[in-house]
C-alpha cells in the first residue's frame, strides 16, 4: 500500500529454552517456557511451533508497547541486536531464537 511503512524486525540475542512433550496416545505437542512463563500446544509439530512463536511475539509486543522491553531484556541478560523503532511507529516483529528440549513425560515440563 502506498504510504505504508514496512514492519521493523527487532532481533534479540537470548538463550530461551522451551521444554516439549508429545503425548504418545493423542500425539499432541505441549510445551513450556519457564523463562518467559509461557506455554504452547499443538495437534501437529507445525501448530506447536506456531503457537510457541505467537506466544513469544505477543509477550514481546506487549513489553514493547508498555515501554518495558529493554528493562526486561537487561534483567534476563539478553540484548537487542537491532534498535527498537521509535514510539508511534508500527509495532515491530520480533526475531527471538529458542532451543527445544524434548521431555520423557508431561510431568517433566514443570518442576515439582
C-alpha atoms as a PDB file:
ATOM      1  CA  UNK A   1       0.000   0.000   0.000  1.00  0.00           C
ATOM      2  CA  UNK A   2       1.289   3.472  -0.753  1.00  0.00           C
ATOM      3  CA  UNK A   3       2.447   5.335   2.338  1.00  0.00           C
ATOM      4  CA  UNK A   4       2.609   2.189   4.457  1.00  0.00           C
ATOM      5  CA  UNK A   5       5.861   1.676   6.312  1.00  0.00           C
ATOM      6  CA  UNK A   6       7.413  -1.785   6.312  1.00  0.00           C
ATOM      7  CA  UNK A   7       7.271  -3.641   9.604  1.00  0.00           C
ATOM      8  CA  UNK A   8      10.525  -3.396  11.528  1.00  0.00           C
ATOM      9  CA  UNK A   9      12.126  -6.663  12.620  1.00  0.00           C
ATOM     10  CA  UNK A  10      13.814  -6.478  16.011  1.00  0.00           C
ATOM     11  CA  UNK A  11      16.423  -9.161  16.611  1.00  0.00           C
ATOM     12  CA  UNK A  12      17.058 -10.208  20.186  1.00  0.00           C
ATOM     13  CA  UNK A  13      20.026 -12.199  21.444  1.00  0.00           C
ATOM     14  CA  UNK A  14      18.670 -14.507  24.113  1.00  0.00           C
ATOM     15  CA  UNK A  15      19.022 -18.004  25.483  1.00  0.00           C
ATOM     16  CA  UNK A  16      15.382 -19.071  25.557  1.00  0.00           C
ATOM     17  CA  UNK A  17      14.632 -22.707  26.217  1.00  0.00           C
ATOM     18  CA  UNK A  18      11.345 -24.492  25.696  1.00  0.00           C
ATOM     19  CA  UNK A  19      10.626 -27.969  27.060  1.00  0.00           C
ATOM     20  CA  UNK A  20       8.222 -30.042  24.983  1.00  0.00           C
ATOM     21  CA  UNK A  21       6.428 -33.354  25.319  1.00  0.00           C
ATOM     22  CA  UNK A  22       4.477 -35.296  22.705  1.00  0.00           C
ATOM     23  CA  UNK A  23       1.686 -37.375  24.171  1.00  0.00           C
ATOM     24  CA  UNK A  24       2.069 -40.938  22.834  1.00  0.00           C
ATOM     25  CA  UNK A  25      -1.699 -41.526  22.769  1.00  0.00           C
ATOM     26  CA  UNK A  26      -3.108 -38.239  21.435  1.00  0.00           C
ATOM     27  CA  UNK A  27       0.096 -37.176  19.613  1.00  0.00           C
ATOM     28  CA  UNK A  28      -0.495 -33.636  20.932  1.00  0.00           C
ATOM     29  CA  UNK A  29       2.578 -31.468  21.475  1.00  0.00           C
ATOM     30  CA  UNK A  30       2.694 -29.499  24.747  1.00  0.00           C
ATOM     31  CA  UNK A  31       5.482 -27.124  25.713  1.00  0.00           C
ATOM     32  CA  UNK A  32       6.544 -24.784  28.495  1.00  0.00           C
ATOM     33  CA  UNK A  33       8.985 -21.885  28.516  1.00  0.00           C
ATOM     34  CA  UNK A  34       9.833 -21.225  32.156  1.00  0.00           C
ATOM     35  CA  UNK A  35      11.950 -18.129  31.419  1.00  0.00           C
ATOM     36  CA  UNK A  36       9.007 -16.348  29.795  1.00  0.00           C
ATOM     37  CA  UNK A  37       6.214 -18.030  31.797  1.00  0.00           C
ATOM     38  CA  UNK A  38       4.596 -19.215  28.558  1.00  0.00           C
ATOM     39  CA  UNK A  39       3.106 -22.434  27.283  1.00  0.00           C
ATOM     40  CA  UNK A  40       2.114 -23.722  23.871  1.00  0.00           C
ATOM     41  CA  UNK A  41       0.173 -26.638  22.464  1.00  0.00           C
ATOM     42  CA  UNK A  42      -0.478 -28.068  19.030  1.00  0.00           C
ATOM     43  CA  UNK A  43      -2.051 -31.077  17.402  1.00  0.00           C
ATOM     44  CA  UNK A  44       0.897 -31.119  14.991  1.00  0.00           C
ATOM     45  CA  UNK A  45       4.551 -30.093  15.219  1.00  0.00           C
ATOM     46  CA  UNK A  46       3.807 -27.129  12.955  1.00  0.00           C
ATOM     47  CA  UNK A  47       0.872 -25.994  15.125  1.00  0.00           C
ATOM     48  CA  UNK A  48       3.036 -26.261  18.240  1.00  0.00           C
ATOM     49  CA  UNK A  49       5.795 -24.131  16.666  1.00  0.00           C
ATOM     50  CA  UNK A  50       3.265 -21.535  15.504  1.00  0.00           C
ATOM     51  CA  UNK A  51       1.701 -21.392  18.976  1.00  0.00           C
ATOM     52  CA  UNK A  52       5.091 -21.011  20.711  1.00  0.00           C
ATOM     53  CA  UNK A  53       6.180 -18.297  18.261  1.00  0.00           C
ATOM     54  CA  UNK A  54       2.878 -16.442  18.630  1.00  0.00           C
ATOM     55  CA  UNK A  55       3.059 -16.582  22.441  1.00  0.00           C
ATOM     56  CA  UNK A  56       6.572 -15.099  22.414  1.00  0.00           C
ATOM     57  CA  UNK A  57       5.610 -12.470  19.823  1.00  0.00           C
ATOM     58  CA  UNK A  58       2.611 -11.336  21.888  1.00  0.00           C
ATOM     59  CA  UNK A  59       4.741 -11.084  25.026  1.00  0.00           C
ATOM     60  CA  UNK A  60       7.481  -9.047  23.353  1.00  0.00           C
ATOM     61  CA  UNK A  61       4.966  -6.746  21.610  1.00  0.00           C
ATOM     62  CA  UNK A  62       3.221  -6.135  24.942  1.00  0.00           C
ATOM     63  CA  UNK A  63       6.531  -5.350  26.672  1.00  0.00           C
ATOM     64  CA  UNK A  64       7.473  -3.031  23.784  1.00  0.00           C
ATOM     65  CA  UNK A  65       4.139  -1.185  23.877  1.00  0.00           C
ATOM     66  CA  UNK A  66       4.413  -0.731  27.661  1.00  0.00           C
ATOM     67  CA  UNK A  67       7.992   0.585  27.357  1.00  0.00           C
ATOM     68  CA  UNK A  68       9.304  -2.314  29.457  1.00  0.00           C
ATOM     69  CA  UNK A  69      11.134  -4.387  26.847  1.00  0.00           C
ATOM     70  CA  UNK A  70      14.664  -3.048  27.327  1.00  0.00           C
ATOM     71  CA  UNK A  71      14.477  -3.455  31.113  1.00  0.00           C
ATOM     72  CA  UNK A  72      13.062  -6.981  30.724  1.00  0.00           C
ATOM     73  CA  UNK A  73      15.932  -7.919  28.420  1.00  0.00           C
ATOM     74  CA  UNK A  74      18.551  -6.461  30.797  1.00  0.00           C
ATOM     75  CA  UNK A  75      17.114  -8.318  33.789  1.00  0.00           C
ATOM     76  CA  UNK A  76      17.375 -11.602  31.869  1.00  0.00           C
ATOM     77  CA  UNK A  77      20.850 -10.921  30.498  1.00  0.00           C
ATOM     78  CA  UNK A  78      19.573 -10.641  26.920  1.00  0.00           C
ATOM     79  CA  UNK A  79      20.172  -7.827  24.459  1.00  0.00           C
ATOM     80  CA  UNK A  80      18.860  -6.157  21.344  1.00  0.00           C
ATOM     81  CA  UNK A  81      20.812  -6.864  18.168  1.00  0.00           C
ATOM     82  CA  UNK A  82      18.834  -4.261  16.227  1.00  0.00           C
ATOM     83  CA  UNK A  83      17.366  -0.999  17.534  1.00  0.00           C
ATOM     84  CA  UNK A  84      13.754  -0.654  18.573  1.00  0.00           C
ATOM     85  CA  UNK A  85      11.557   1.502  16.345  1.00  0.00           C
ATOM     86  CA  UNK A  86      10.625   4.951  17.633  1.00  0.00           C
ATOM     87  CA  UNK A  87       7.397   5.417  19.571  1.00  0.00           C
ATOM     88  CA  UNK A  88       4.452   5.964  17.275  1.00  0.00           C
ATOM     89  CA  UNK A  89       5.860   3.643  14.607  1.00  0.00           C
ATOM     90  CA  UNK A  90       4.028   0.418  13.744  1.00  0.00           C
ATOM     91  CA  UNK A  91       4.699  -2.378  16.219  1.00  0.00           C
ATOM     92  CA  UNK A  92       7.692  -4.457  15.197  1.00  0.00           C
ATOM     93  CA  UNK A  93       8.012  -8.169  14.689  1.00  0.00           C
ATOM     94  CA  UNK A  94      10.483  -9.911  16.970  1.00  0.00           C
ATOM     95  CA  UNK A  95      13.122 -12.408  15.891  1.00  0.00           C
ATOM     96  CA  UNK A  96      13.982 -14.392  19.011  1.00  0.00           C
ATOM     97  CA  UNK A  97      15.715 -17.762  18.630  1.00  0.00           C
ATOM     98  CA  UNK A  98      14.941 -20.539  21.057  1.00  0.00           C
ATOM     99  CA  UNK A  99      16.056 -24.070  21.768  1.00  0.00           C
ATOM    100  CA  UNK A 100      13.784 -27.009  22.386  1.00  0.00           C
ATOM    101  CA  UNK A 101      14.335 -29.961  24.700  1.00  0.00           C
ATOM    102  CA  UNK A 102      12.069 -32.965  24.462  1.00  0.00           C
ATOM    103  CA  UNK A 103      10.950 -34.461  27.783  1.00  0.00           C
ATOM    104  CA  UNK A 104      10.135 -38.082  28.570  1.00  0.00           C
ATOM    105  CA  UNK A 105       6.855 -37.240  30.298  1.00  0.00           C
ATOM    106  CA  UNK A 106       4.453 -34.346  30.618  1.00  0.00           C
ATOM    107  CA  UNK A 107       5.320 -34.150  34.332  1.00  0.00           C
ATOM    108  CA  UNK A 108       8.869 -33.150  33.343  1.00  0.00           C
ATOM    109  CA  UNK A 109       7.599 -29.906  31.799  1.00  0.00           C
ATOM    110  CA  UNK A 110       7.143 -28.177  35.146  1.00  0.00           C
ATOM    111  CA  UNK A 111       9.436 -28.628  38.148  1.00  0.00           C
ATOM    112  CA  UNK A 112       7.849 -30.077  41.274  1.00  0.00           C
END
